[in-house]
Amino acid sequence: MQGKLSREHVLVPRSDEVLDLYSKSTFGTLLKKSLKLTLYEALYLVEEEKLVVKNAAGRVLTEEQLTRAGRKLEKEFWVKYCVFRDLRTRGYLVKTALKFGADFRVYDRGVKPGQDHAKWIVYPVHEASKERWYDLAGKNRVAHSTRKKLLIGIVDEEDDVTYFECSWIRP
């Protein structure tokens, strides 16, 4: 499959291969004439050798060039991508969660959007970043109010991810 970089998305023209990818793994958002992928999804598919991404001039972008494009749009792109990649590799369906005030929403294995709700909202952070307790409490409140569990994905210097699930408890 081939797609074209369009600022913060990659557009892949509809084809049987694209429809198959979407129906099996729910990558992207299906539009009338194309599949719109986030840069996280596109980079993952490039790494998996399932997608070739070209720029506006028609040149093929390497993984590094696609990563640079993501970093230009958001400072923490790589940290977020590490969490995205880790969850997808483990068999989870990962979608954006901006309307929930989080980076990602994650569906349990085998569950697709529309079949059931996402189980977690995920906040990726680098192990060296400084977080305040009341920020964590706010994130937990968002998760609780949307009936999801809060998952913090901590990315270390080797790009490995450790997860912590947080929840409210009543004493």
C-alpha atoms as a PDB file:
ATOM      1  CA  MET A   1       0.000   0.000   0.000  1.00  0.00           C
ATOM      2  CA  GLN A   2       1.095   3.545  -0.640  1.00  0.00           C
ATOM      3  CA  GLY A   3      -0.004   6.660   1.177  1.00  0.00           C
ATOM      4  CA  LYS A   4       0.664  10.385   0.999  1.00  0.00           C
ATOM      5  CA  LEU A   5       1.723  12.494   3.963  1.00  0.00           C
ATOM      6  CA  SER A   6      -0.744  15.307   4.566  1.00  0.00           C
ATOM      7  CA  ARG A   7       0.624  17.241   7.558  1.00  0.00           C
ATOM      8  CA  GLU A   8      -0.629  15.234  10.587  1.00  0.00           C
ATOM      9  CA  HIS A   9      -2.165  12.358   8.639  1.00  0.00           C
ATOM     10  CA  VAL A  10      -1.347   9.896   5.906  1.00  0.00           C
ATOM     11  CA  LEU A  11      -4.019   9.316   3.273  1.00  0.00           C
ATOM     12  CA  VAL A  12      -4.102   5.923   1.574  1.00  0.00           C
ATOM     13  CA  PRO A  13      -6.380   5.537  -1.498  1.00  0.00           C
ATOM     14  CA  ARG A  14      -9.149   2.973  -1.024  1.00  0.00           C
ATOM     15  CA  SER A  15      -8.433  -0.452  -2.453  1.00  0.00           C
ATOM     16  CA  ASP A  16      -9.263  -4.052  -1.580  1.00  0.00           C
ATOM     17  CA  GLU A  17      -6.014  -4.244   0.395  1.00  0.00           C
ATOM     18  CA  VAL A  18      -6.916  -1.098   2.361  1.00  0.00           C
ATOM     19  CA  LEU A  19     -10.433  -2.361   3.101  1.00  0.00           C
ATOM     20  CA  ASP A  20      -8.972  -5.676   4.254  1.00  0.00           C
ATOM     21  CA  LEU A  21      -6.514  -3.917   6.571  1.00  0.00           C
ATOM     22  CA  TYR A  22      -9.283  -1.757   8.007  1.00  0.00           C
ATOM     23  CA  SER A  23     -11.721  -4.622   8.544  1.00  0.00           C
ATOM     24  CA  LYS A  24      -9.125  -6.893  10.175  1.00  0.00           C
ATOM     25  CA  SER A  25      -7.192  -4.435  12.337  1.00  0.00           C
ATOM     26  CA  THR A  26      -9.192  -1.179  12.350  1.00  0.00           C
ATOM     27  CA  PHE A  27      -6.252   1.043  11.454  1.00  0.00           C
ATOM     28  CA  GLY A  28      -7.280   4.589  10.606  1.00  0.00           C
ATOM     29  CA  THR A  29     -10.584   6.180   9.713  1.00  0.00           C
ATOM     30  CA  LEU A  30     -12.306   5.036   6.558  1.00  0.00           C
ATOM     31  CA  LEU A  31     -13.311   7.930   4.306  1.00  0.00           C
ATOM     32  CA  LYS A  32     -15.150   7.867   0.951  1.00  0.00           C
ATOM     33  CA  LYS A  33     -12.011   7.704  -1.177  1.00  0.00           C
ATOM     34  CA  SER A  34      -9.238   6.915   1.286  1.00  0.00           C
ATOM     35  CA  LEU A  35      -8.109   5.619   4.640  1.00  0.00           C
ATOM     36  CA  LYS A  36      -6.896   8.393   6.947  1.00  0.00           C
ATOM     37  CA  LEU A  37      -4.106   7.202   9.240  1.00  0.00           C
ATOM     38  CA  THR A  38      -2.578   9.016  12.183  1.00  0.00           C
ATOM     39  CA  LEU A  39       1.192   9.402  12.036  1.00  0.00           C
ATOM     40  CA  TYR A  40       1.430   6.765  14.790  1.00  0.00           C
ATOM     41  CA  GLU A  41      -0.515   4.279  12.687  1.00  0.00           C
ATOM     42  CA  ALA A  42       1.407   5.133   9.523  1.00  0.00           C
ATOM     43  CA  LEU A  43       4.808   4.795  11.189  1.00  0.00           C
ATOM     44  CA  TYR A  44       3.792   1.468  12.692  1.00  0.00           C
ATOM     45  CA  LEU A  45       2.669   0.163   9.303  1.00  0.00           C
ATOM     46  CA  VAL A  46       5.887   1.431   7.677  1.00  0.00           C
ATOM     47  CA  GLU A  47       7.922  -0.406  10.326  1.00  0.00           C
ATOM     48  CA  GLU A  48       5.868  -3.539   9.650  1.00  0.00           C
ATOM     49  CA  GLU A  49       6.573  -3.092   5.898  1.00  0.00           C
ATOM     50  CA  LYS A  50       2.857  -2.886   5.097  1.00  0.00           C
ATOM     51  CA  LEU A  51       2.885   0.750   3.949  1.00  0.00           C
ATOM     52  CA  VAL A  52       5.049   3.114   1.912  1.00  0.00           C
ATOM     53  CA  VAL A  53       4.550   6.819   2.646  1.00  0.00           C
ATOM     54  CA  LYS A  54       5.416   9.518   0.136  1.00  0.00           C
ATOM     55  CA  ASN A  55       5.697  13.274   0.615  1.00  0.00           C
ATOM     56  CA  ALA A  56       3.997  15.909  -1.563  1.00  0.00           C
ATOM     57  CA  ALA A  57       6.869  15.699  -4.075  1.00  0.00           C
ATOM     58  CA  GLY A  58       6.352  11.936  -4.430  1.00  0.00           C
ATOM     59  CA  ARG A  59       9.506  10.895  -2.571  1.00  0.00           C
ATOM     60  CA  VAL A  60       9.358   7.860  -0.306  1.00  0.00           C
ATOM     61  CA  LEU A  61       9.802   8.762   3.361  1.00  0.00           C
ATOM     62  CA  THR A  62      11.987   6.649   5.625  1.00  0.00           C
ATOM     63  CA  GLU A  63      10.946   5.746   9.172  1.00  0.00           C
ATOM     64  CA  GLU A  64      13.293   8.477  10.427  1.00  0.00           C
ATOM     65  CA  GLN A  65      11.779  11.108   8.141  1.00  0.00           C
ATOM     66  CA  LEU A  66       8.259  10.139   9.202  1.00  0.00           C
ATOM     67  CA  THR A  67       9.340  10.312  12.845  1.00  0.00           C
ATOM     68  CA  ARG A  68      10.805  13.794  12.261  1.00  0.00           C
ATOM     69  CA  ALA A  69       7.503  14.890  10.716  1.00  0.00           C
ATOM     70  CA  GLY A  70       5.733  13.682  13.858  1.00  0.00           C
ATOM     71  CA  ARG A  71       8.200  15.435  16.154  1.00  0.00           C
ATOM     72  CA  LYS A  72       7.629  18.704  14.298  1.00  0.00           C
ATOM     73  CA  LEU A  73       3.936  18.450  15.159  1.00  0.00           C
ATOM     74  CA  GLU A  74       4.318  17.393  18.777  1.00  0.00           C
ATOM     75  CA  LYS A  75       7.289  17.374  21.088  1.00  0.00           C
ATOM     76  CA  GLU A  76       6.471  14.045  22.753  1.00  0.00           C
ATOM     77  CA  PHE A  77       5.749  12.191  19.493  1.00  0.00           C
ATOM     78  CA  TRP A  78       8.375   9.494  20.027  1.00  0.00           C
ATOM     79  CA  VAL A  79       7.298   8.724  23.610  1.00  0.00           C
ATOM     80  CA  LYS A  80       3.685   8.426  22.489  1.00  0.00           C
ATOM     81  CA  TYR A  81       4.683   6.313  19.517  1.00  0.00           C
ATOM     82  CA  CYS A  82       6.626   3.890  21.733  1.00  0.00           C
ATOM     83  CA  VAL A  83       3.474   3.285  23.782  1.00  0.00           C
ATOM     84  CA  PHE A  84       1.310   3.022  20.647  1.00  0.00           C
ATOM     85  CA  ARG A  85       3.693   0.495  19.072  1.00  0.00           C
ATOM     86  CA  ASP A  86       3.993  -1.560  22.243  1.00  0.00           C
ATOM     87  CA  LEU A  87       0.228  -1.834  22.683  1.00  0.00           C
ATOM     88  CA  ARG A  88      -0.386  -2.698  19.012  1.00  0.00           C
ATOM     89  CA  THR A  89       2.383  -5.309  19.133  1.00  0.00           C
ATOM     90  CA  ARG A  90       0.648  -6.862  22.153  1.00  0.00           C
ATOM     91  CA  GLY A  91      -2.567  -7.177  20.148  1.00  0.00           C
ATOM     92  CA  TYR A  92      -4.543  -4.215  21.480  1.00  0.00           C
ATOM     93  CA  LEU A  93      -6.492  -1.809  19.303  1.00  0.00           C
ATOM     94  CA  VAL A  94      -5.272   1.757  19.928  1.00  0.00           C
ATOM     95  CA  LYS A  95      -7.156   4.879  18.855  1.00  0.00           C
ATOM     96  CA  THR A  96      -6.764   8.562  19.655  1.00  0.00           C
ATOM     97  CA  ALA A  97      -8.631   9.842  22.699  1.00  0.00           C
ATOM     98  CA  LEU A  98      -8.628  13.619  22.366  1.00  0.00           C
ATOM     99  CA  LYS A  99     -12.329  13.876  23.216  1.00  0.00           C
ATOM    100  CA  PHE A 100     -11.550  12.075  26.486  1.00  0.00           C
ATOM    101  CA  GLY A 101      -8.673  14.404  27.282  1.00  0.00           C
ATOM    102  CA  ALA A 102      -6.123  11.620  26.863  1.00  0.00           C
ATOM    103  CA  ASP A 103      -3.617  10.574  24.222  1.00  0.00           C
ATOM    104  CA  PHE A 104      -5.043   7.153  23.410  1.00  0.00           C
ATOM    105  CA  ARG A 105      -7.983   4.910  24.150  1.00  0.00           C
ATOM    106  CA  VAL A 106      -7.310   1.187  24.121  1.00  0.00           C
ATOM    107  CA  TYR A 107      -9.709  -1.624  23.392  1.00  0.00           C
ATOM    108  CA  ASP A 108      -9.262  -5.051  24.912  1.00  0.00           C
ATOM    109  CA  ARG A 109      -7.914  -7.743  22.593  1.00  0.00           C
ATOM    110  CA  GLY A 110     -10.479  -8.806  20.019  1.00  0.00           C
ATOM    111  CA  VAL A 111     -12.767  -5.807  20.629  1.00  0.00           C
ATOM    112  CA  LYS A 112     -13.359  -3.186  17.946  1.00  0.00           C
ATOM    113  CA  PRO A 113     -14.934   0.262  18.262  1.00  0.00           C
ATOM    114  CA  GLY A 114     -18.683  -0.095  18.069  1.00  0.00           C
ATOM    115  CA  GLN A 115     -18.647  -3.599  19.558  1.00  0.00           C
ATOM    116  CA  ASP A 116     -17.840  -2.331  23.028  1.00  0.00           C
ATOM    117  CA  HIS A 117     -16.261   0.668  24.711  1.00  0.00           C
ATOM    118  CA  ALA A 118     -12.535   1.140  25.171  1.00  0.00           C
ATOM    119  CA  LYS A 119     -11.241  -0.377  28.399  1.00  0.00           C
ATOM    120  CA  TRP A 120      -8.456   2.142  29.086  1.00  0.00           C
ATOM    121  CA  ILE A 121      -7.383   5.678  28.384  1.00  0.00           C
ATOM    122  CA  VAL A 122      -3.616   5.945  28.145  1.00  0.00           C
ATOM    123  CA  TYR A 123      -1.164   8.701  29.000  1.00  0.00           C
ATOM    124  CA  PRO A 124       2.380   8.047  27.738  1.00  0.00           C
ATOM    125  CA  VAL A 125       5.183   9.716  29.715  1.00  0.00           C
ATOM    126  CA  HIS A 126       8.960   9.527  29.603  1.00  0.00           C
ATOM    127  CA  GLU A 127      10.596   8.153  32.734  1.00  0.00           C
ATOM    128  CA  ALA A 128      12.577  11.389  33.169  1.00  0.00           C
ATOM    129  CA  SER A 129       9.541  13.662  32.985  1.00  0.00           C
ATOM    130  CA  LYS A 130       8.204  15.306  36.101  1.00  0.00           C
ATOM    131  CA  GLU A 131       4.516  14.819  36.823  1.00  0.00           C
ATOM    132  CA  ARG A 132       2.571  16.442  39.618  1.00  0.00           C
ATOM    133  CA  TRP A 133       0.260  14.408  41.812  1.00  0.00           C
ATOM    134  CA  TYR A 134      -2.729  16.605  41.083  1.00  0.00           C
ATOM    135  CA  ASP A 135      -2.150  16.088  37.334  1.00  0.00           C
ATOM    136  CA  LEU A 136      -2.337  12.343  37.950  1.00  0.00           C
ATOM    137  CA  ALA A 137      -5.497  12.831  40.004  1.00  0.00           C
ATOM    138  CA  GLY A 138      -7.041  14.860  37.165  1.00  0.00           C
ATOM    139  CA  LYS A 139      -6.196  12.155  34.636  1.00  0.00           C
ATOM    140  CA  ASN A 140      -7.686   9.547  36.919  1.00  0.00           C
ATOM    141  CA  ARG A 141     -10.839  11.642  37.292  1.00  0.00           C
ATOM    142  CA  VAL A 142     -11.191  11.799  33.487  1.00  0.00           C
ATOM    143  CA  ALA A 143     -10.789   8.024  33.248  1.00  0.00           C
ATOM    144  CA  HIS A 144     -13.326   7.441  36.012  1.00  0.00           C
ATOM    145  CA  SER A 145     -15.882   9.847  34.534  1.00  0.00           C
ATOM    146  CA  THR A 146     -15.647   8.131  31.125  1.00  0.00           C
ATOM    147  CA  ARG A 147     -15.930   4.661  32.697  1.00  0.00           C
ATOM    148  CA  LYS A 148     -12.453   3.648  31.647  1.00  0.00           C
ATOM    149  CA  LYS A 149      -9.367   2.579  33.510  1.00  0.00           C
ATOM    150  CA  LEU A 150      -6.336   4.871  33.556  1.00  0.00           C
ATOM    151  CA  LEU A 151      -3.161   3.413  32.127  1.00  0.00           C
ATOM    152  CA  ILE A 152       0.118   5.292  32.456  1.00  0.00           C
ATOM    153  CA  GLY A 153       2.725   4.090  29.941  1.00  0.00           C
ATOM    154  CA  ILE A 154       6.212   4.980  31.137  1.00  0.00           C
ATOM    155  CA  VAL A 155       8.871   4.910  28.412  1.00  0.00           C
ATOM    156  CA  ASP A 156      12.473   4.413  29.515  1.00  0.00           C
ATOM    157  CA  GLU A 157      15.740   5.354  27.799  1.00  0.00           C
ATOM    158  CA  GLU A 158      15.731   2.069  25.822  1.00  0.00           C
ATOM    159  CA  ASP A 159      12.177   2.788  24.560  1.00  0.00           C
ATOM    160  CA  ASP A 160      10.760  -0.046  26.671  1.00  0.00           C
ATOM    161  CA  VAL A 161       7.342   0.605  28.178  1.00  0.00           C
ATOM    162  CA  THR A 162       6.103  -0.175  31.687  1.00  0.00           C
ATOM    163  CA  TYR A 163       2.423   0.255  32.485  1.00  0.00           C
ATOM    164  CA  PHE A 164       0.690   1.305  35.654  1.00  0.00           C
ATOM    165  CA  GLU A 165      -3.058   1.051  35.941  1.00  0.00           C
ATOM    166  CA  CYS A 166      -4.625   3.569  38.315  1.00  0.00           C
ATOM    167  CA  SER A 167      -8.142   3.673  39.703  1.00  0.00           C
ATOM    168  CA  TRP A 168     -10.240   5.282  42.392  1.00  0.00           C
ATOM    169  CA  ILE A 169     -10.879   3.271  45.529  1.00  0.00           C
ATOM    170  CA  ARG A 170     -13.227   3.958  48.381  1.00  0.00           C
ATOM    171  CA  PRO A 171     -11.658   3.510  51.823  1.00  0.00           C
END
